[in-house]
Amino acid sequence: MSELITRFIITEKTIRLAEKENKVTIAVPLSASKREIKKQVEKAYGVKVVKVNTAITMKGEKKAVVKLSPESNAFELLTRLGLV
């Protein structure tokens, strides 16, 4: 993994997002911008990113919900990485 992507967040909700809405959820540094996150995900995993939403959690972490294009499958990406 790169220094920009801290870890993938895997919960029941994020698995459901991957299956139904083609989105992956990633923990990132507070200083990361949406543009940087998009470039890093596309480069590191060979997928096409449509949209990036970010939020700061109550724990003080920044998480990014990354929507992939229809030709890139989020659930297959998580499976390929061995996370599901």
PDB file of N, CA and C in Angstrom:
ATOM      1  N   MET A   1       0.837  -1.186   0.000  1.00  0.00           N
ATOM      2  CA  MET A   1       0.000   0.000   0.000  1.00  0.00           C
ATOM      3  C   MET A   1       0.880   1.246   0.000  1.00  0.00           C
ATOM      4  N   SER A   2       0.288   2.337  -0.335  1.00  0.00           N
ATOM      5  CA  SER A   2       1.042   3.585  -0.383  1.00  0.00           C
ATOM      6  C   SER A   2       0.925   4.306   0.957  1.00  0.00           C
ATOM      7  N   GLU A   3       1.671   5.393   1.104  1.00  0.00           N
ATOM      8  CA  GLU A   3       1.604   6.158   2.338  1.00  0.00           C
ATOM      9  C   GLU A   3       0.318   6.970   2.448  1.00  0.00           C
ATOM     10  N   LEU A   4      -0.374   7.189   1.328  1.00  0.00           N
ATOM     11  CA  LEU A   4      -1.616   7.959   1.352  1.00  0.00           C
ATOM     12  C   LEU A   4      -2.788   7.107   1.829  1.00  0.00           C
ATOM     13  N   ILE A   5      -2.773   5.825   1.512  1.00  0.00           N
ATOM     14  CA  ILE A   5      -3.852   4.925   1.916  1.00  0.00           C
ATOM     15  C   ILE A   5      -3.403   4.220   3.192  1.00  0.00           C
ATOM     16  N   THR A   6      -3.976   4.633   4.321  1.00  0.00           N
ATOM     17  CA  THR A   6      -3.601   4.057   5.602  1.00  0.00           C
ATOM     18  C   THR A   6      -4.106   2.626   5.711  1.00  0.00           C
ATOM     19  N   ARG A   7      -5.409   2.436   5.473  1.00  0.00           N
ATOM     20  CA  ARG A   7      -6.001   1.098   5.521  1.00  0.00           C
ATOM     21  C   ARG A   7      -7.390   1.141   4.897  1.00  0.00           C
ATOM     22  N   PHE A   8      -7.879  -0.028   4.522  1.00  0.00           N
ATOM     23  CA  PHE A   8      -9.254  -0.142   4.063  1.00  0.00           C
ATOM     24  C   PHE A   8     -10.126  -0.369   5.291  1.00  0.00           C
ATOM     25  N   ILE A   9     -11.291   0.240   5.315  1.00  0.00           N
ATOM     26  CA  ILE A   9     -12.232   0.063   6.419  1.00  0.00           C
ATOM     27  C   ILE A   9     -13.227  -1.009   5.991  1.00  0.00           C
ATOM     28  N   ILE A  10     -13.225  -2.126   6.712  1.00  0.00           N
ATOM     29  CA  ILE A  10     -14.087  -3.258   6.360  1.00  0.00           C
ATOM     30  C   ILE A  10     -15.078  -3.498   7.502  1.00  0.00           C
ATOM     31  N   THR A  11     -16.343  -3.179   7.257  1.00  0.00           N
ATOM     32  CA  THR A  11     -17.439  -3.443   8.191  1.00  0.00           C
ATOM     33  C   THR A  11     -18.603  -3.981   7.369  1.00  0.00           C
ATOM     34  N   GLU A  12     -19.669  -4.368   8.035  1.00  0.00           N
ATOM     35  CA  GLU A  12     -20.851  -4.835   7.299  1.00  0.00           C
ATOM     36  C   GLU A  12     -21.368  -3.742   6.363  1.00  0.00           C
ATOM     37  N   LYS A  13     -21.373  -2.514   6.838  1.00  0.00           N
ATOM     38  CA  LYS A  13     -21.874  -1.401   6.029  1.00  0.00           C
ATOM     39  C   LYS A  13     -20.993  -1.161   4.799  1.00  0.00           C
ATOM     40  N   THR A  14     -19.671  -1.201   4.965  1.00  0.00           N
ATOM     41  CA  THR A  14     -18.789  -0.943   3.825  1.00  0.00           C
ATOM     42  C   THR A  14     -18.821  -2.085   2.812  1.00  0.00           C
ATOM     43  N   ILE A  15     -19.032  -3.318   3.287  1.00  0.00           N
ATOM     44  CA  ILE A  15     -19.194  -4.445   2.362  1.00  0.00           C
ATOM     45  C   ILE A  15     -20.470  -4.258   1.543  1.00  0.00           C
ATOM     46  N   ARG A  16     -21.537  -3.817   2.203  1.00  0.00           N
ATOM     47  CA  ARG A  16     -22.802  -3.555   1.503  1.00  0.00           C
ATOM     48  C   ARG A  16     -22.623  -2.444   0.466  1.00  0.00           C
ATOM     49  N   LEU A  17     -21.878  -1.387   0.823  1.00  0.00           N
ATOM     50  CA  LEU A  17     -21.596  -0.307  -0.131  1.00  0.00           C
ATOM     51  C   LEU A  17     -20.814  -0.833  -1.342  1.00  0.00           C
ATOM     52  N   ALA A  18     -19.865  -1.723  -1.096  1.00  0.00           N
ATOM     53  CA  ALA A  18     -19.070  -2.287  -2.190  1.00  0.00           C
ATOM     54  C   ALA A  18     -19.949  -3.111  -3.126  1.00  0.00           C
ATOM     55  N   GLU A  19     -20.849  -3.896  -2.564  1.00  0.00           N
ATOM     56  CA  GLU A  19     -21.706  -4.765  -3.380  1.00  0.00           C
ATOM     57  C   GLU A  19     -22.771  -3.982  -4.137  1.00  0.00           C
ATOM     58  N   LYS A  20     -23.453  -3.069  -3.456  1.00  0.00           N
ATOM     59  CA  LYS A  20     -24.623  -2.404  -4.049  1.00  0.00           C
ATOM     60  C   LYS A  20     -24.308  -1.097  -4.772  1.00  0.00           C
ATOM     61  N   GLU A  21     -23.349  -0.318  -4.247  1.00  0.00           N
ATOM     62  CA  GLU A  21     -23.092   1.017  -4.810  1.00  0.00           C
ATOM     63  C   GLU A  21     -21.712   1.160  -5.439  1.00  0.00           C
ATOM     64  N   ASN A  22     -20.939   0.073  -5.447  1.00  0.00           N
ATOM     65  CA  ASN A  22     -19.604   0.064  -6.081  1.00  0.00           C
ATOM     66  C   ASN A  22     -18.661   1.091  -5.438  1.00  0.00           C
ATOM     67  N   LYS A  23     -18.644   1.106  -4.078  1.00  0.00           N
ATOM     68  CA  LYS A  23     -17.812   2.051  -3.333  1.00  0.00           C
ATOM     69  C   LYS A  23     -16.890   1.306  -2.374  1.00  0.00           C
ATOM     70  N   VAL A  24     -15.678   1.833  -2.191  1.00  0.00           N
ATOM     71  CA  VAL A  24     -14.760   1.320  -1.179  1.00  0.00           C
ATOM     72  C   VAL A  24     -14.496   2.435  -0.173  1.00  0.00           C
ATOM     73  N   THR A  25     -14.258   2.049   1.090  1.00  0.00           N
ATOM     74  CA  THR A  25     -14.022   3.017   2.153  1.00  0.00           C
ATOM     75  C   THR A  25     -12.590   2.853   2.647  1.00  0.00           C
ATOM     76  N   ILE A  26     -11.861   3.965   2.683  1.00  0.00           N
ATOM     77  CA  ILE A  26     -10.433   3.950   2.982  1.00  0.00           C
ATOM     78  C   ILE A  26     -10.125   4.986   4.060  1.00  0.00           C
ATOM     79  N   ALA A  27      -9.279   4.617   5.027  1.00  0.00           N
ATOM     80  CA  ALA A  27      -8.775   5.584   5.999  1.00  0.00           C
ATOM     81  C   ALA A  27      -7.563   6.270   5.376  1.00  0.00           C
ATOM     82  N   VAL A  28      -7.521   7.578   5.461  1.00  0.00           N
ATOM     83  CA  VAL A  28      -6.435   8.367   4.854  1.00  0.00           C
ATOM     84  C   VAL A  28      -5.941   9.400   5.871  1.00  0.00           C
ATOM     85  N   PRO A  29      -4.751   9.972   5.656  1.00  0.00           N
ATOM     86  CA  PRO A  29      -4.261  11.033   6.547  1.00  0.00           C
ATOM     87  C   PRO A  29      -5.158  12.279   6.473  1.00  0.00           C
ATOM     88  N   LEU A  30      -5.199  13.039   7.546  1.00  0.00           N
ATOM     89  CA  LEU A  30      -6.018  14.258   7.582  1.00  0.00           C
ATOM     90  C   LEU A  30      -5.612  15.255   6.502  1.00  0.00           C
ATOM     91  N   SER A  31      -4.359  15.226   6.097  1.00  0.00           N
ATOM     92  CA  SER A  31      -3.871  16.202   5.112  1.00  0.00           C
ATOM     93  C   SER A  31      -4.197  15.822   3.665  1.00  0.00           C
ATOM     94  N   ALA A  32      -4.723  14.623   3.422  1.00  0.00           N
ATOM     95  CA  ALA A  32      -4.986  14.152   2.051  1.00  0.00           C
ATOM     96  C   ALA A  32      -6.177  14.887   1.429  1.00  0.00           C
ATOM     97  N   SER A  33      -6.005  15.301   0.171  1.00  0.00           N
ATOM     98  CA  SER A  33      -7.098  15.960  -0.544  1.00  0.00           C
ATOM     99  C   SER A  33      -7.838  14.924  -1.397  1.00  0.00           C
ATOM    100  N   LYS A  34      -9.030  15.282  -1.830  1.00  0.00           N
ATOM    101  CA  LYS A  34      -9.813  14.369  -2.670  1.00  0.00           C
ATOM    102  C   LYS A  34      -9.077  14.048  -3.966  1.00  0.00           C
ATOM    103  N   ARG A  35      -8.441  15.045  -4.544  1.00  0.00           N
ATOM    104  CA  ARG A  35      -7.705  14.848  -5.793  1.00  0.00           C
ATOM    105  C   ARG A  35      -6.549  13.864  -5.604  1.00  0.00           C
ATOM    106  N   GLU A  36      -5.819  14.013  -4.503  1.00  0.00           N
ATOM    107  CA  GLU A  36      -4.704  13.108  -4.206  1.00  0.00           C
ATOM    108  C   GLU A  36      -5.196  11.680  -3.981  1.00  0.00           C
ATOM    109  N   ILE A  37      -6.305  11.548  -3.265  1.00  0.00           N
ATOM    110  CA  ILE A  37      -6.869  10.224  -2.995  1.00  0.00           C
ATOM    111  C   ILE A  37      -7.268   9.562  -4.303  1.00  0.00           C
ATOM    112  N   LYS A  38      -7.938  10.302  -5.175  1.00  0.00           N
ATOM    113  CA  LYS A  38      -8.371   9.762  -6.464  1.00  0.00           C
ATOM    114  C   LYS A  38      -7.178   9.268  -7.277  1.00  0.00           C
ATOM    115  N   LYS A  39      -6.148  10.093  -7.397  1.00  0.00           N
ATOM    116  CA  LYS A  39      -4.963   9.714  -8.180  1.00  0.00           C
ATOM    117  C   LYS A  39      -4.297   8.468  -7.606  1.00  0.00           C
ATOM    118  N   GLN A  40      -4.160   8.412  -6.275  1.00  0.00           N
ATOM    119  CA  GLN A  40      -3.472   7.296  -5.649  1.00  0.00           C
ATOM    120  C   GLN A  40      -4.238   5.985  -5.814  1.00  0.00           C
ATOM    121  N   VAL A  41      -5.555   6.011  -5.663  1.00  0.00           N
ATOM    122  CA  VAL A  41      -6.361   4.797  -5.812  1.00  0.00           C
ATOM    123  C   VAL A  41      -6.294   4.303  -7.252  1.00  0.00           C
ATOM    124  N   GLU A  42      -6.410   5.227  -8.223  1.00  0.00           N
ATOM    125  CA  GLU A  42      -6.339   4.828  -9.633  1.00  0.00           C
ATOM    126  C   GLU A  42      -4.975   4.229  -9.966  1.00  0.00           C
ATOM    127  N   LYS A  43      -3.917   4.844  -9.463  1.00  0.00           N
ATOM    128  CA  LYS A  43      -2.566   4.384  -9.768  1.00  0.00           C
ATOM    129  C   LYS A  43      -2.235   3.059  -9.070  1.00  0.00           C
ATOM    130  N   ALA A  44      -2.576   2.952  -7.804  1.00  0.00           N
ATOM    131  CA  ALA A  44      -2.196   1.781  -7.012  1.00  0.00           C
ATOM    132  C   ALA A  44      -2.997   0.532  -7.359  1.00  0.00           C
ATOM    133  N   TYR A  45      -4.263   0.682  -7.722  1.00  0.00           N
ATOM    134  CA  TYR A  45      -5.128  -0.487  -7.910  1.00  0.00           C
ATOM    135  C   TYR A  45      -5.654  -0.664  -9.324  1.00  0.00           C
ATOM    136  N   GLY A  46      -5.320   0.227 -10.241  1.00  0.00           N
ATOM    137  CA  GLY A  46      -5.714   0.067 -11.635  1.00  0.00           C
ATOM    138  C   GLY A  46      -7.208   0.137 -11.869  1.00  0.00           C
ATOM    139  N   VAL A  47      -7.892   1.004 -11.138  1.00  0.00           N
ATOM    140  CA  VAL A  47      -9.340   1.180 -11.300  1.00  0.00           C
ATOM    141  C   VAL A  47      -9.625   2.626 -11.682  1.00  0.00           C
ATOM    142  N   LYS A  48     -10.830   2.890 -12.161  1.00  0.00           N
ATOM    143  CA  LYS A  48     -11.249   4.244 -12.532  1.00  0.00           C
ATOM    144  C   LYS A  48     -12.162   4.774 -11.432  1.00  0.00           C
ATOM    145  N   VAL A  49     -11.802   5.926 -10.868  1.00  0.00           N
ATOM    146  CA  VAL A  49     -12.570   6.548  -9.788  1.00  0.00           C
ATOM    147  C   VAL A  49     -13.499   7.605 -10.368  1.00  0.00           C
ATOM    148  N   VAL A  50     -14.773   7.561  -9.956  1.00  0.00           N
ATOM    149  CA  VAL A  50     -15.768   8.531 -10.406  1.00  0.00           C
ATOM    150  C   VAL A  50     -15.878   9.690  -9.421  1.00  0.00           C
ATOM    151  N   LYS A  51     -15.880   9.371  -8.099  1.00  0.00           N
ATOM    152  CA  LYS A  51     -16.143  10.397  -7.097  1.00  0.00           C
ATOM    153  C   LYS A  51     -15.480  10.006  -5.777  1.00  0.00           C
ATOM    154  N   VAL A  52     -15.065  11.014  -5.019  1.00  0.00           N
ATOM    155  CA  VAL A  52     -14.487  10.790  -3.691  1.00  0.00           C
ATOM    156  C   VAL A  52     -15.211  11.691  -2.696  1.00  0.00           C
ATOM    157  N   ASN A  53     -15.759  11.090  -1.632  1.00  0.00           N
ATOM    158  CA  ASN A  53     -16.348  11.845  -0.532  1.00  0.00           C
ATOM    159  C   ASN A  53     -15.487  11.610   0.697  1.00  0.00           C
ATOM    160  N   THR A  54     -15.236  12.649   1.480  1.00  0.00           N
ATOM    161  CA  THR A  54     -14.432  12.498   2.683  1.00  0.00           C
ATOM    162  C   THR A  54     -15.208  12.965   3.902  1.00  0.00           C
ATOM    163  N   ALA A  55     -14.813  12.414   5.062  1.00  0.00           N
ATOM    164  CA  ALA A  55     -15.420  12.805   6.333  1.00  0.00           C
ATOM    165  C   ALA A  55     -14.401  12.578   7.444  1.00  0.00           C
ATOM    166  N   ILE A  56     -14.502  13.370   8.487  1.00  0.00           N
ATOM    167  CA  ILE A  56     -13.680  13.186   9.671  1.00  0.00           C
ATOM    168  C   ILE A  56     -14.537  12.420  10.688  1.00  0.00           C
ATOM    169  N   THR A  57     -14.028  11.300  11.174  1.00  0.00           N
ATOM    170  CA  THR A  57     -14.781  10.487  12.128  1.00  0.00           C
ATOM    171  C   THR A  57     -14.673  11.088  13.524  1.00  0.00           C
ATOM    172  N   MET A  58     -15.470  10.572  14.453  1.00  0.00           N
ATOM    173  CA  MET A  58     -15.416  11.065  15.834  1.00  0.00           C
ATOM    174  C   MET A  58     -14.117  10.662  16.511  1.00  0.00           C
ATOM    175  N   LYS A  59     -13.419   9.681  15.966  1.00  0.00           N
ATOM    176  CA  LYS A  59     -12.113   9.286  16.499  1.00  0.00           C
ATOM    177  C   LYS A  59     -11.006  10.214  15.998  1.00  0.00           C
ATOM    178  N   GLY A  60     -11.336  11.141  15.101  1.00  0.00           N
ATOM    179  CA  GLY A  60     -10.351  12.068  14.566  1.00  0.00           C
ATOM    180  C   GLY A  60      -9.653  11.556  13.317  1.00  0.00           C
ATOM    181  N   GLU A  61     -10.127  10.447  12.752  1.00  0.00           N
ATOM    182  CA  GLU A  61      -9.570   9.911  11.507  1.00  0.00           C
ATOM    183  C   GLU A  61     -10.311  10.506  10.315  1.00  0.00           C
ATOM    184  N   LYS A  62      -9.652  10.552   9.188  1.00  0.00           N
ATOM    185  CA  LYS A  62     -10.302  10.974   7.952  1.00  0.00           C
ATOM    186  C   LYS A  62     -10.580   9.719   7.143  1.00  0.00           C
ATOM    187  N   LYS A  63     -11.823   9.580   6.685  1.00  0.00           N
ATOM    188  CA  LYS A  63     -12.136   8.436   5.832  1.00  0.00           C
ATOM    189  C   LYS A  63     -12.654   8.935   4.497  1.00  0.00           C
ATOM    190  N   ALA A  64     -12.327   8.180   3.469  1.00  0.00           N
ATOM    191  CA  ALA A  64     -12.740   8.524   2.113  1.00  0.00           C
ATOM    192  C   ALA A  64     -13.611   7.402   1.572  1.00  0.00           C
ATOM    193  N   VAL A  65     -14.776   7.764   1.055  1.00  0.00           N
ATOM    194  CA  VAL A  65     -15.646   6.807   0.372  1.00  0.00           C
ATOM    195  C   VAL A  65     -15.439   7.057  -1.117  1.00  0.00           C
ATOM    196  N   VAL A  66     -14.858   6.060  -1.799  1.00  0.00           N
ATOM    197  CA  VAL A  66     -14.445   6.201  -3.190  1.00  0.00           C
ATOM    198  C   VAL A  66     -15.397   5.417  -4.078  1.00  0.00           C
ATOM    199  N   LYS A  67     -16.110   6.124  -4.969  1.00  0.00           N
ATOM    200  CA  LYS A  67     -17.018   5.469  -5.909  1.00  0.00           C
ATOM    201  C   LYS A  67     -16.254   5.127  -7.177  1.00  0.00           C
ATOM    202  N   LEU A  68     -16.322   3.857  -7.568  1.00  0.00           N
ATOM    203  CA  LEU A  68     -15.624   3.402  -8.760  1.00  0.00           C
ATOM    204  C   LEU A  68     -16.556   3.428  -9.961  1.00  0.00           C
ATOM    205  N   SER A  69     -15.986   3.496 -11.151  1.00  0.00           N
ATOM    206  CA  SER A  69     -16.780   3.494 -12.379  1.00  0.00           C
ATOM    207  C   SER A  69     -17.403   2.109 -12.572  1.00  0.00           C
ATOM    208  N   PRO A  70     -18.439   2.008 -13.398  1.00  0.00           N
ATOM    209  CA  PRO A  70     -19.111   0.716 -13.607  1.00  0.00           C
ATOM    210  C   PRO A  70     -18.186  -0.389 -14.114  1.00  0.00           C
ATOM    211  N   GLU A  71     -17.143  -0.053 -14.892  1.00  0.00           N
ATOM    212  CA  GLU A  71     -16.247  -1.100 -15.393  1.00  0.00           C
ATOM    213  C   GLU A  71     -15.282  -1.605 -14.324  1.00  0.00           C
ATOM    214  N   SER A  72     -15.167  -0.889 -13.194  1.00  0.00           N
ATOM    215  CA  SER A  72     -14.332  -1.326 -12.069  1.00  0.00           C
ATOM    216  C   SER A  72     -15.256  -1.799 -10.952  1.00  0.00           C
ATOM    217  N   ASN A  73     -15.074  -3.029 -10.483  1.00  0.00           N
ATOM    218  CA  ASN A  73     -15.944  -3.590  -9.463  1.00  0.00           C
ATOM    219  C   ASN A  73     -15.276  -3.485  -8.094  1.00  0.00           C
ATOM    220  N   ALA A  74     -15.924  -2.787  -7.150  1.00  0.00           N
ATOM    221  CA  ALA A  74     -15.366  -2.562  -5.817  1.00  0.00           C
ATOM    222  C   ALA A  74     -15.230  -3.867  -5.046  1.00  0.00           C
ATOM    223  N   PHE A  75     -16.230  -4.734  -5.124  1.00  0.00           N
ATOM    224  CA  PHE A  75     -16.182  -5.994  -4.373  1.00  0.00           C
ATOM    225  C   PHE A  75     -15.058  -6.895  -4.898  1.00  0.00           C
ATOM    226  N   GLU A  76     -14.874  -6.901  -6.217  1.00  0.00           N
ATOM    227  CA  GLU A  76     -13.766  -7.686  -6.792  1.00  0.00           C
ATOM    228  C   GLU A  76     -12.414  -7.128  -6.351  1.00  0.00           C
ATOM    229  N   LEU A  77     -12.292  -5.803  -6.242  1.00  0.00           N
ATOM    230  CA  LEU A  77     -11.046  -5.190  -5.764  1.00  0.00           C
ATOM    231  C   LEU A  77     -10.750  -5.641  -4.335  1.00  0.00           C
ATOM    232  N   LEU A  78     -11.761  -5.602  -3.464  1.00  0.00           N
ATOM    233  CA  LEU A  78     -11.557  -6.035  -2.083  1.00  0.00           C
ATOM    234  C   LEU A  78     -11.203  -7.514  -2.017  1.00  0.00           C
ATOM    235  N   THR A  79     -11.819  -8.326  -2.860  1.00  0.00           N
ATOM    236  CA  THR A  79     -11.510  -9.753  -2.910  1.00  0.00           C
ATOM    237  C   THR A  79     -10.094  -9.977  -3.403  1.00  0.00           C
ATOM    238  N   ARG A  80      -9.693  -9.258  -4.437  1.00  0.00           N
ATOM    239  CA  ARG A  80      -8.336  -9.387  -4.995  1.00  0.00           C
ATOM    240  C   ARG A  80      -7.270  -9.018  -3.963  1.00  0.00           C
ATOM    241  N   LEU A  81      -7.579  -8.058  -3.102  1.00  0.00           N
ATOM    242  CA  LEU A  81      -6.634  -7.641  -2.068  1.00  0.00           C
ATOM    243  C   LEU A  81      -6.680  -8.566  -0.852  1.00  0.00           C
ATOM    244  N   GLY A  82      -7.615  -9.521  -0.851  1.00  0.00           N
ATOM    245  CA  GLY A  82      -7.717 -10.474   0.246  1.00  0.00           C
ATOM    246  C   GLY A  82      -8.397  -9.912   1.482  1.00  0.00           C
ATOM    247  N   LEU A  83      -9.205  -8.891   1.325  1.00  0.00           N
ATOM    248  CA  LEU A  83      -9.873  -8.256   2.458  1.00  0.00           C
ATOM    249  C   LEU A  83     -11.252  -8.814   2.733  1.00  0.00           C
ATOM    250  N   VAL A  84     -11.825  -9.524   1.772  1.00  0.00           N
ATOM    251  CA  VAL A  84     -13.168 -10.099   1.953  1.00  0.00           C
ATOM    252  C   VAL A  84     -13.065 -11.600   1.755  1.00  0.00           C
TER     253      VAL A  84
END
